[in-house]
Amino acid sequence: MQPLTGLPALWRRLCDLCEWIARAIIGGSIAAIVLITIAAVWYRYGLERPLSWTEQVCRIFFVWSVFAGAAVLYRNMLHIAIDMFVLMLPRRLQVLVLWLNQGLVLILSVLMLWFGLQISIGTLGQTFGALEISPASFYFAAPFCAALMIVFWIEKLFDPARRDPFGDVHL
């Protein structure tokens, strides 16, 4: 297969950057959850002064890590897929099923982007719980990661190599 040039190569670099950002969000979120949990346990049992905000902050980080993880898995085609019956089909039908699935992914990503933005913007003026943080801190994970998935979907149009699983999967 020939190396990509021009717009497809530029798009691949953009997607690589987007994936790096998503992976940084995942790693940073998981690290923050671990550190906050350790601090919460220390304050609760060591100092007998529980922190009231730790659960909400950990929940925000968890939501972001899940959505960013979904985008990374989608780019690398490592999401859950049951392809036993698809693999029994002739090659042309396999390609048709692939693009039907990709069409559904695009539709759902666009819907998640649109409605996620509406919910996020609608909750900017609100606060919740023990923190003075808007619930939009949760909700912005959906449109942000949906936008990443749309970028990764476009990459699949340019680069057929991105339509197959990339990386190792161990069960």
N, C-alpha and C. Protein backbone atom coordinates (compact mmCIF):
# COMPACT_ATOMS: atom_id res chain seq x y z
N MET A 1 0.84 -1.18 0.00
CA MET A 1 0.00 0.00 0.00
C MET A 1 0.89 1.24 0.00
N GLN A 2 0.53 2.24 -0.81
CA GLN A 2 1.33 3.45 -0.92
C GLN A 2 1.11 4.34 0.29
N PRO A 3 2.15 5.09 0.67
CA PRO A 3 1.98 6.03 1.79
C PRO A 3 1.02 7.16 1.39
N LEU A 4 0.34 7.68 2.38
CA LEU A 4 -0.61 8.76 2.13
C LEU A 4 0.13 10.06 1.84
N THR A 5 -0.42 10.86 0.94
CA THR A 5 0.14 12.17 0.64
C THR A 5 -1.00 13.17 0.56
N GLY A 6 -0.64 14.44 0.58
CA GLY A 6 -1.63 15.50 0.42
C GLY A 6 -2.60 15.58 1.59
N LEU A 7 -3.86 15.82 1.25
CA LEU A 7 -4.90 15.99 2.27
C LEU A 7 -5.06 14.76 3.16
N PRO A 8 -5.07 13.53 2.61
CA PRO A 8 -5.19 12.37 3.50
C PRO A 8 -4.05 12.29 4.53
N ALA A 9 -2.83 12.65 4.13
CA ALA A 9 -1.70 12.62 5.07
C ALA A 9 -1.88 13.69 6.14
N LEU A 10 -2.34 14.86 5.74
CA LEU A 10 -2.59 15.94 6.70
C LEU A 10 -3.70 15.54 7.67
N TRP A 11 -4.75 14.91 7.12
CA TRP A 11 -5.86 14.47 7.97
C TRP A 11 -5.40 13.40 8.95
N ARG A 12 -4.53 12.50 8.50
CA ARG A 12 -3.99 11.47 9.39
C ARG A 12 -3.23 12.12 10.54
N ARG A 13 -2.45 13.16 10.25
CA ARG A 13 -1.71 13.85 11.31
C ARG A 13 -2.66 14.54 12.28
N LEU A 14 -3.74 15.13 11.76
CA LEU A 14 -4.75 15.73 12.62
C LEU A 14 -5.38 14.67 13.51
N CYS A 15 -5.69 13.52 12.94
CA CYS A 15 -6.29 12.42 13.71
C CYS A 15 -5.32 11.89 14.75
N ASP A 16 -4.04 11.81 14.40
CA ASP A 16 -3.03 11.38 15.37
C ASP A 16 -2.99 12.35 16.56
N LEU A 17 -3.06 13.65 16.27
CA LEU A 17 -3.08 14.65 17.34
C LEU A 17 -4.35 14.50 18.19
N CYS A 18 -5.49 14.33 17.54
CA CYS A 18 -6.75 14.15 18.27
C CYS A 18 -6.70 12.91 19.15
N GLU A 19 -6.14 11.83 18.62
CA GLU A 19 -6.03 10.61 19.43
C GLU A 19 -5.09 10.83 20.60
N TRP A 20 -4.00 11.55 20.38
CA TRP A 20 -3.06 11.84 21.47
C TRP A 20 -3.77 12.64 22.57
N ILE A 21 -4.57 13.64 22.17
CA ILE A 21 -5.31 14.44 23.15
C ILE A 21 -6.29 13.55 23.92
N ALA A 22 -7.00 12.69 23.21
CA ALA A 22 -7.96 11.79 23.88
C ALA A 22 -7.25 10.85 24.84
N ARG A 23 -6.10 10.32 24.43
CA ARG A 23 -5.34 9.44 25.33
C ARG A 23 -4.82 10.21 26.54
N ALA A 24 -4.44 11.47 26.35
CA ALA A 24 -4.00 12.30 27.48
C ALA A 24 -5.16 12.53 28.45
N ILE A 25 -6.35 12.75 27.90
CA ILE A 25 -7.54 12.91 28.75
C ILE A 25 -7.78 11.64 29.55
N ILE A 26 -7.68 10.49 28.90
CA ILE A 26 -7.90 9.21 29.58
C ILE A 26 -6.87 9.02 30.69
N GLY A 27 -5.60 9.16 30.34
CA GLY A 27 -4.54 8.95 31.33
C GLY A 27 -4.61 9.94 32.47
N GLY A 28 -4.83 11.21 32.13
CA GLY A 28 -4.94 12.24 33.17
C GLY A 28 -6.14 12.01 34.07
N SER A 29 -7.26 11.60 33.48
CA SER A 29 -8.47 11.35 34.27
C SER A 29 -8.28 10.18 35.22
N ILE A 30 -7.71 9.11 34.72
CA ILE A 30 -7.50 7.94 35.59
C ILE A 30 -6.51 8.26 36.69
N ALA A 31 -5.44 8.98 36.35
CA ALA A 31 -4.47 9.37 37.38
C ALA A 31 -5.13 10.27 38.43
N ALA A 32 -5.95 11.21 37.98
CA ALA A 32 -6.64 12.10 38.91
C ALA A 32 -7.59 11.32 39.81
N ILE A 33 -8.31 10.36 39.24
CA ILE A 33 -9.23 9.54 40.05
C ILE A 33 -8.46 8.81 41.14
N VAL A 34 -7.33 8.22 40.78
CA VAL A 34 -6.53 7.48 41.76
C VAL A 34 -6.04 8.41 42.86
N LEU A 35 -5.48 9.56 42.48
CA LEU A 35 -4.95 10.50 43.48
C LEU A 35 -6.05 11.07 44.37
N ILE A 36 -7.18 11.40 43.78
CA ILE A 36 -8.30 11.94 44.57
C ILE A 36 -8.83 10.88 45.52
N THR A 37 -8.91 9.64 45.06
CA THR A 37 -9.39 8.56 45.92
C THR A 37 -8.44 8.33 47.09
N ILE A 38 -7.15 8.35 46.83
CA ILE A 38 -6.17 8.20 47.91
C ILE A 38 -6.32 9.35 48.91
N ALA A 39 -6.45 10.58 48.40
CA ALA A 39 -6.63 11.73 49.29
C ALA A 39 -7.92 11.61 50.09
N ALA A 40 -8.99 11.16 49.44
CA ALA A 40 -10.28 11.03 50.13
C ALA A 40 -10.19 10.01 51.26
N VAL A 41 -9.53 8.89 51.01
CA VAL A 41 -9.38 7.87 52.05
C VAL A 41 -8.53 8.42 53.19
N TRP A 42 -7.44 9.10 52.85
CA TRP A 42 -6.57 9.66 53.88
C TRP A 42 -7.33 10.67 54.75
N TYR A 43 -8.06 11.58 54.11
CA TYR A 43 -8.80 12.58 54.86
C TYR A 43 -9.90 11.94 55.71
N ARG A 44 -10.58 10.95 55.17
CA ARG A 44 -11.69 10.33 55.91
C ARG A 44 -11.20 9.52 57.10
N TYR A 45 -10.22 8.64 56.87
CA TYR A 45 -9.83 7.71 57.92
C TYR A 45 -8.58 8.15 58.67
N GLY A 46 -7.70 8.86 58.04
CA GLY A 46 -6.48 9.30 58.70
C GLY A 46 -6.70 10.56 59.51
N LEU A 47 -7.36 11.53 58.92
CA LEU A 47 -7.58 12.82 59.58
C LEU A 47 -8.98 12.96 60.15
N GLU A 48 -9.84 12.01 59.85
CA GLU A 48 -11.24 12.04 60.28
C GLU A 48 -11.95 13.33 59.88
N ARG A 49 -11.63 13.81 58.68
CA ARG A 49 -12.26 15.00 58.11
C ARG A 49 -12.59 14.71 56.64
N PRO A 50 -13.69 14.03 56.38
CA PRO A 50 -13.99 13.64 54.99
C PRO A 50 -14.18 14.86 54.08
N LEU A 51 -13.73 14.70 52.86
CA LEU A 51 -13.89 15.73 51.84
C LEU A 51 -15.24 15.52 51.15
N SER A 52 -15.96 16.58 50.94
CA SER A 52 -17.31 16.45 50.39
C SER A 52 -17.34 16.44 48.86
N TRP A 53 -16.28 16.81 48.22
CA TRP A 53 -16.28 17.01 46.78
C TRP A 53 -15.69 15.86 45.97
N THR A 54 -15.07 14.90 46.61
CA THR A 54 -14.29 13.90 45.87
C THR A 54 -15.12 13.03 44.94
N GLU A 55 -16.29 12.63 45.38
CA GLU A 55 -17.11 11.75 44.54
C GLU A 55 -17.53 12.44 43.25
N GLN A 56 -17.94 13.69 43.35
CA GLN A 56 -18.38 14.41 42.15
C GLN A 56 -17.24 14.64 41.17
N VAL A 57 -16.08 15.01 41.69
CA VAL A 57 -14.94 15.25 40.81
C VAL A 57 -14.49 13.94 40.14
N CYS A 58 -14.47 12.86 40.91
CA CYS A 58 -14.11 11.56 40.32
C CYS A 58 -15.12 11.15 39.25
N ARG A 59 -16.37 11.45 39.47
CA ARG A 59 -17.40 11.12 38.48
C ARG A 59 -17.18 11.90 37.19
N ILE A 60 -16.82 13.16 37.30
CA ILE A 60 -16.53 13.97 36.11
C ILE A 60 -15.36 13.37 35.34
N PHE A 61 -14.28 13.05 36.05
CA PHE A 61 -13.12 12.45 35.39
C PHE A 61 -13.47 11.10 34.76
N PHE A 62 -14.31 10.32 35.43
CA PHE A 62 -14.70 9.02 34.90
C PHE A 62 -15.49 9.17 33.60
N VAL A 63 -16.43 10.09 33.58
CA VAL A 63 -17.24 10.32 32.37
C VAL A 63 -16.33 10.73 31.21
N TRP A 64 -15.40 11.64 31.46
CA TRP A 64 -14.49 12.06 30.40
C TRP A 64 -13.62 10.91 29.92
N SER A 65 -13.15 10.07 30.83
CA SER A 65 -12.29 8.95 30.41
C SER A 65 -13.08 7.94 29.58
N VAL A 66 -14.34 7.72 29.91
CA VAL A 66 -15.16 6.77 29.15
C VAL A 66 -15.42 7.29 27.73
N PHE A 67 -15.83 8.54 27.61
CA PHE A 67 -16.11 9.08 26.28
C PHE A 67 -14.85 9.18 25.43
N ALA A 68 -13.75 9.63 26.02
CA ALA A 68 -12.49 9.71 25.27
C ALA A 68 -12.02 8.32 24.88
N GLY A 69 -12.20 7.35 25.77
CA GLY A 69 -11.83 5.97 25.46
C GLY A 69 -12.65 5.41 24.31
N ALA A 70 -13.92 5.76 24.26
CA ALA A 70 -14.77 5.30 23.15
C ALA A 70 -14.27 5.86 21.83
N ALA A 71 -13.84 7.12 21.83
CA ALA A 71 -13.33 7.72 20.59
C ALA A 71 -12.04 7.04 20.14
N VAL A 72 -11.13 6.78 21.08
CA VAL A 72 -9.87 6.11 20.73
C VAL A 72 -10.14 4.70 20.21
N LEU A 73 -11.01 3.98 20.88
CA LEU A 73 -11.33 2.62 20.43
C LEU A 73 -11.98 2.64 19.06
N TYR A 74 -12.83 3.61 18.80
CA TYR A 74 -13.46 3.70 17.49
C TYR A 74 -12.41 3.96 16.40
N ARG A 75 -11.49 4.87 16.67
CA ARG A 75 -10.48 5.16 15.65
C ARG A 75 -9.69 3.91 15.29
N ASN A 76 -9.36 3.11 16.29
CA ASN A 76 -8.54 1.92 16.07
C ASN A 76 -9.38 0.68 15.77
N MET A 77 -10.70 0.87 15.64
CA MET A 77 -11.63 -0.24 15.34
C MET A 77 -11.49 -1.36 16.36
N LEU A 78 -11.30 -1.01 17.62
CA LEU A 78 -11.15 -2.00 18.68
C LEU A 78 -12.37 -2.05 19.58
N HIS A 79 -13.45 -1.42 19.17
CA HIS A 79 -14.69 -1.47 19.94
C HIS A 79 -15.29 -2.87 19.82
N ILE A 80 -16.25 -3.14 20.65
CA ILE A 80 -16.89 -4.46 20.64
C ILE A 80 -17.65 -4.63 19.33
N ALA A 81 -17.38 -5.73 18.66
CA ALA A 81 -18.07 -6.04 17.41
C ALA A 81 -18.24 -7.55 17.33
N ILE A 82 -19.42 -7.96 16.99
CA ILE A 82 -19.69 -9.39 16.81
C ILE A 82 -19.79 -9.60 15.30
N ASP A 83 -18.72 -10.11 14.73
CA ASP A 83 -18.66 -10.20 13.27
C ASP A 83 -18.71 -11.63 12.74
N MET A 84 -19.13 -12.57 13.58
CA MET A 84 -19.15 -13.96 13.16
C MET A 84 -19.99 -14.15 11.89
N PHE A 85 -21.18 -13.57 11.87
CA PHE A 85 -22.06 -13.73 10.72
C PHE A 85 -21.60 -12.88 9.54
N VAL A 86 -21.06 -11.72 9.83
CA VAL A 86 -20.57 -10.85 8.76
C VAL A 86 -19.43 -11.53 8.01
N LEU A 87 -18.56 -12.21 8.73
CA LEU A 87 -17.43 -12.88 8.09
C LEU A 87 -17.87 -14.05 7.21
N MET A 88 -19.08 -14.55 7.41
CA MET A 88 -19.61 -15.62 6.56
C MET A 88 -20.15 -15.09 5.23
N LEU A 89 -20.35 -13.79 5.14
CA LEU A 89 -20.91 -13.19 3.93
C LEU A 89 -19.84 -13.05 2.85
N PRO A 90 -20.28 -12.94 1.60
CA PRO A 90 -19.32 -12.63 0.53
C PRO A 90 -18.66 -11.26 0.78
N ARG A 91 -17.50 -11.06 0.20
CA ARG A 91 -16.71 -9.84 0.45
C ARG A 91 -17.50 -8.57 0.16
N ARG A 92 -18.27 -8.54 -0.91
CA ARG A 92 -19.03 -7.33 -1.26
C ARG A 92 -20.07 -7.00 -0.19
N LEU A 93 -20.71 -8.03 0.35
CA LEU A 93 -21.69 -7.79 1.42
C LEU A 93 -21.00 -7.38 2.72
N GLN A 94 -19.81 -7.90 2.97
CA GLN A 94 -19.05 -7.47 4.14
C GLN A 94 -18.76 -5.97 4.07
N VAL A 95 -18.38 -5.51 2.90
CA VAL A 95 -18.10 -4.07 2.71
C VAL A 95 -19.39 -3.27 2.90
N LEU A 96 -20.50 -3.78 2.40
CA LEU A 96 -21.78 -3.10 2.57
C LEU A 96 -22.14 -2.99 4.06
N VAL A 97 -21.98 -4.08 4.79
CA VAL A 97 -22.27 -4.06 6.23
C VAL A 97 -21.34 -3.09 6.95
N LEU A 98 -20.06 -3.07 6.56
CA LEU A 98 -19.11 -2.12 7.16
C LEU A 98 -19.61 -0.69 7.00
N TRP A 99 -20.02 -0.32 5.80
CA TRP A 99 -20.44 1.06 5.56
C TRP A 99 -21.81 1.35 6.16
N LEU A 100 -22.67 0.35 6.29
CA LEU A 100 -23.92 0.56 7.03
C LEU A 100 -23.61 0.86 8.49
N ASN A 101 -22.70 0.08 9.07
CA ASN A 101 -22.29 0.33 10.46
C ASN A 101 -21.64 1.70 10.61
N GLN A 102 -20.78 2.04 9.66
CA GLN A 102 -20.12 3.34 9.73
C GLN A 102 -21.13 4.48 9.57
N GLY A 103 -22.14 4.27 8.74
CA GLY A 103 -23.20 5.27 8.60
C GLY A 103 -23.96 5.47 9.91
N LEU A 104 -24.24 4.36 10.59
CA LEU A 104 -24.91 4.47 11.90
C LEU A 104 -24.03 5.18 12.91
N VAL A 105 -22.74 4.88 12.90
CA VAL A 105 -21.81 5.56 13.81
C VAL A 105 -21.82 7.06 13.54
N LEU A 106 -21.79 7.43 12.27
CA LEU A 106 -21.80 8.85 11.93
C LEU A 106 -23.09 9.52 12.39
N ILE A 107 -24.23 8.88 12.14
CA ILE A 107 -25.51 9.45 12.56
C ILE A 107 -25.56 9.62 14.07
N LEU A 108 -25.16 8.59 14.80
CA LEU A 108 -25.19 8.67 16.27
C LEU A 108 -24.19 9.71 16.78
N SER A 109 -23.04 9.82 16.14
CA SER A 109 -22.05 10.82 16.56
C SER A 109 -22.57 12.23 16.33
N VAL A 110 -23.21 12.46 15.19
CA VAL A 110 -23.78 13.78 14.91
C VAL A 110 -24.88 14.10 15.91
N LEU A 111 -25.74 13.13 16.21
CA LEU A 111 -26.79 13.35 17.21
C LEU A 111 -26.20 13.63 18.59
N MET A 112 -25.17 12.88 18.96
CA MET A 112 -24.53 13.09 20.26
C MET A 112 -23.86 14.47 20.30
N LEU A 113 -23.28 14.89 19.20
CA LEU A 113 -22.67 16.22 19.14
C LEU A 113 -23.73 17.30 19.28
N TRP A 114 -24.79 17.18 18.51
CA TRP A 114 -25.84 18.21 18.51
C TRP A 114 -26.55 18.30 19.87
N PHE A 115 -27.06 17.19 20.35
CA PHE A 115 -27.81 17.23 21.61
C PHE A 115 -26.89 17.42 22.81
N GLY A 116 -25.67 16.90 22.73
CA GLY A 116 -24.71 17.14 23.81
C GLY A 116 -24.38 18.61 23.95
N LEU A 117 -24.22 19.30 22.82
CA LEU A 117 -23.97 20.75 22.87
C LEU A 117 -25.17 21.49 23.45
N GLN A 118 -26.37 21.09 23.04
CA GLN A 118 -27.56 21.76 23.57
C GLN A 118 -27.68 21.59 25.08
N ILE A 119 -27.48 20.37 25.56
CA ILE A 119 -27.56 20.12 27.00
C ILE A 119 -26.45 20.86 27.73
N SER A 120 -25.24 20.79 27.19
CA SER A 120 -24.10 21.44 27.84
C SER A 120 -24.30 22.94 27.95
N ILE A 121 -24.69 23.56 26.86
CA ILE A 121 -24.89 25.00 26.86
C ILE A 121 -26.06 25.37 27.77
N GLY A 122 -27.09 24.54 27.78
CA GLY A 122 -28.26 24.80 28.62
C GLY A 122 -27.98 24.71 30.11
N THR A 123 -26.92 24.00 30.49
CA THR A 123 -26.63 23.84 31.92
C THR A 123 -25.45 24.69 32.39
N LEU A 124 -24.94 25.57 31.53
CA LEU A 124 -23.78 26.38 31.92
C LEU A 124 -24.04 27.25 33.14
N GLY A 125 -25.25 27.76 33.28
CA GLY A 125 -25.56 28.65 34.39
C GLY A 125 -25.91 27.95 35.69
N GLN A 126 -25.94 26.63 35.70
CA GLN A 126 -26.33 25.88 36.90
C GLN A 126 -25.10 25.40 37.65
N THR A 127 -25.30 25.05 38.91
CA THR A 127 -24.25 24.39 39.69
C THR A 127 -24.87 23.18 40.36
N PHE A 128 -24.01 22.27 40.81
CA PHE A 128 -24.56 21.09 41.47
C PHE A 128 -23.66 20.66 42.63
N GLY A 129 -24.31 20.03 43.60
CA GLY A 129 -23.62 19.39 44.70
C GLY A 129 -22.75 20.31 45.54
N ALA A 130 -21.70 19.74 46.06
CA ALA A 130 -20.81 20.43 46.98
C ALA A 130 -19.89 21.41 46.27
N LEU A 131 -19.85 21.36 44.97
CA LEU A 131 -18.94 22.21 44.21
C LEU A 131 -19.71 23.30 43.49
N GLU A 132 -19.02 24.36 43.19
CA GLU A 132 -19.61 25.41 42.37
C GLU A 132 -19.22 25.17 40.92
N ILE A 133 -19.47 23.96 40.44
CA ILE A 133 -19.15 23.57 39.08
C ILE A 133 -20.45 23.31 38.34
N SER A 134 -20.48 23.72 37.10
CA SER A 134 -21.66 23.50 36.27
C SER A 134 -21.76 22.03 35.86
N PRO A 135 -22.97 21.50 35.76
CA PRO A 135 -23.13 20.14 35.23
C PRO A 135 -22.60 20.02 33.79
N ALA A 136 -22.38 21.15 33.14
CA ALA A 136 -21.82 21.11 31.79
C ALA A 136 -20.45 20.45 31.78
N SER A 137 -19.76 20.43 32.93
CA SER A 137 -18.45 19.76 32.99
C SER A 137 -18.60 18.26 32.70
N PHE A 138 -19.76 17.69 33.04
CA PHE A 138 -20.08 16.32 32.64
C PHE A 138 -20.44 16.27 31.16
N TYR A 139 -21.40 17.12 30.81
CA TYR A 139 -22.06 17.00 29.52
C TYR A 139 -21.17 17.35 28.34
N PHE A 140 -20.18 18.22 28.53
CA PHE A 140 -19.31 18.58 27.41
C PHE A 140 -18.46 17.41 26.93
N ALA A 141 -18.34 16.37 27.72
CA ALA A 141 -17.59 15.18 27.28
C ALA A 141 -18.25 14.55 26.06
N ALA A 142 -19.57 14.54 26.02
CA ALA A 142 -20.28 13.90 24.90
C ALA A 142 -20.04 14.62 23.58
N PRO A 143 -20.28 15.94 23.48
CA PRO A 143 -20.05 16.57 22.18
C PRO A 143 -18.58 16.63 21.79
N PHE A 144 -17.70 16.79 22.76
CA PHE A 144 -16.27 16.83 22.44
C PHE A 144 -15.82 15.51 21.83
N CYS A 145 -16.18 14.42 22.46
CA CYS A 145 -15.75 13.11 21.96
C CYS A 145 -16.53 12.70 20.72
N ALA A 146 -17.76 13.17 20.57
CA ALA A 146 -18.50 12.92 19.33
C ALA A 146 -17.82 13.62 18.17
N ALA A 147 -17.32 14.83 18.40
CA ALA A 147 -16.57 15.54 17.35
C ALA A 147 -15.32 14.76 16.97
N LEU A 148 -14.63 14.19 17.97
CA LEU A 148 -13.46 13.36 17.67
C LEU A 148 -13.87 12.16 16.81
N MET A 149 -14.98 11.53 17.16
CA MET A 149 -15.42 10.36 16.40
C MET A 149 -15.78 10.74 14.96
N ILE A 150 -16.33 11.93 14.76
CA ILE A 150 -16.64 12.38 13.40
C ILE A 150 -15.35 12.61 12.62
N VAL A 151 -14.35 13.20 13.27
CA VAL A 151 -13.04 13.38 12.63
C VAL A 151 -12.45 12.03 12.26
N PHE A 152 -12.55 11.06 13.17
CA PHE A 152 -12.02 9.72 12.89
C PHE A 152 -12.83 9.02 11.80
N TRP A 153 -14.12 9.30 11.73
CA TRP A 153 -14.96 8.72 10.68
C TRP A 153 -14.51 9.22 9.31
N ILE A 154 -14.23 10.51 9.22
CA ILE A 154 -13.76 11.08 7.96
C ILE A 154 -12.43 10.45 7.56
N GLU A 155 -11.58 10.17 8.54
CA GLU A 155 -10.30 9.52 8.25
C GLU A 155 -10.53 8.17 7.55
N LYS A 156 -11.55 7.46 7.96
CA LYS A 156 -11.84 6.15 7.35
C LYS A 156 -12.21 6.28 5.87
N LEU A 157 -12.76 7.43 5.48
CA LEU A 157 -13.04 7.67 4.06
C LEU A 157 -11.75 7.78 3.26
N PHE A 158 -10.76 8.50 3.82
CA PHE A 158 -9.50 8.75 3.13
C PHE A 158 -8.57 7.55 3.13
N ASP A 159 -8.57 6.80 4.22
CA ASP A 159 -7.54 5.79 4.44
C ASP A 159 -8.16 4.42 4.69
N PRO A 160 -8.18 3.55 3.70
CA PRO A 160 -8.76 2.21 3.89
C PRO A 160 -8.07 1.40 4.98
N ALA A 161 -6.81 1.70 5.27
CA ALA A 161 -6.10 0.96 6.32
C ALA A 161 -6.73 1.20 7.69
N ARG A 162 -7.42 2.32 7.88
CA ARG A 162 -8.04 2.64 9.17
C ARG A 162 -9.39 1.95 9.34
N ARG A 163 -9.80 1.16 8.36
CA ARG A 163 -11.09 0.46 8.46
C ARG A 163 -10.96 -0.91 9.10
N ASP A 164 -9.75 -1.34 9.37
CA ASP A 164 -9.50 -2.63 10.00
C ASP A 164 -8.98 -2.39 11.41
N PRO A 165 -9.18 -3.36 12.31
CA PRO A 165 -8.65 -3.20 13.67
C PRO A 165 -7.16 -2.92 13.65
N PHE A 166 -6.74 -1.98 14.49
CA PHE A 166 -5.34 -1.58 14.56
C PHE A 166 -4.86 -1.78 15.98
N GLY A 167 -3.93 -2.69 16.17
CA GLY A 167 -3.42 -2.96 17.51
C GLY A 167 -3.77 -4.38 17.92
N ASP A 168 -3.30 -4.74 19.09
CA ASP A 168 -3.52 -6.08 19.61
C ASP A 168 -4.74 -6.12 20.51
N VAL A 169 -5.48 -7.19 20.40
CA VAL A 169 -6.62 -7.42 21.27
C VAL A 169 -6.38 -8.75 21.97
N HIS A 170 -6.38 -8.72 23.28
CA HIS A 170 -6.17 -9.94 24.06
C HIS A 170 -7.37 -10.14 24.97
N LEU A 171 -7.96 -11.29 24.88
CA LEU A 171 -9.12 -11.60 25.73
C LEU A 171 -8.70 -12.51 26.85
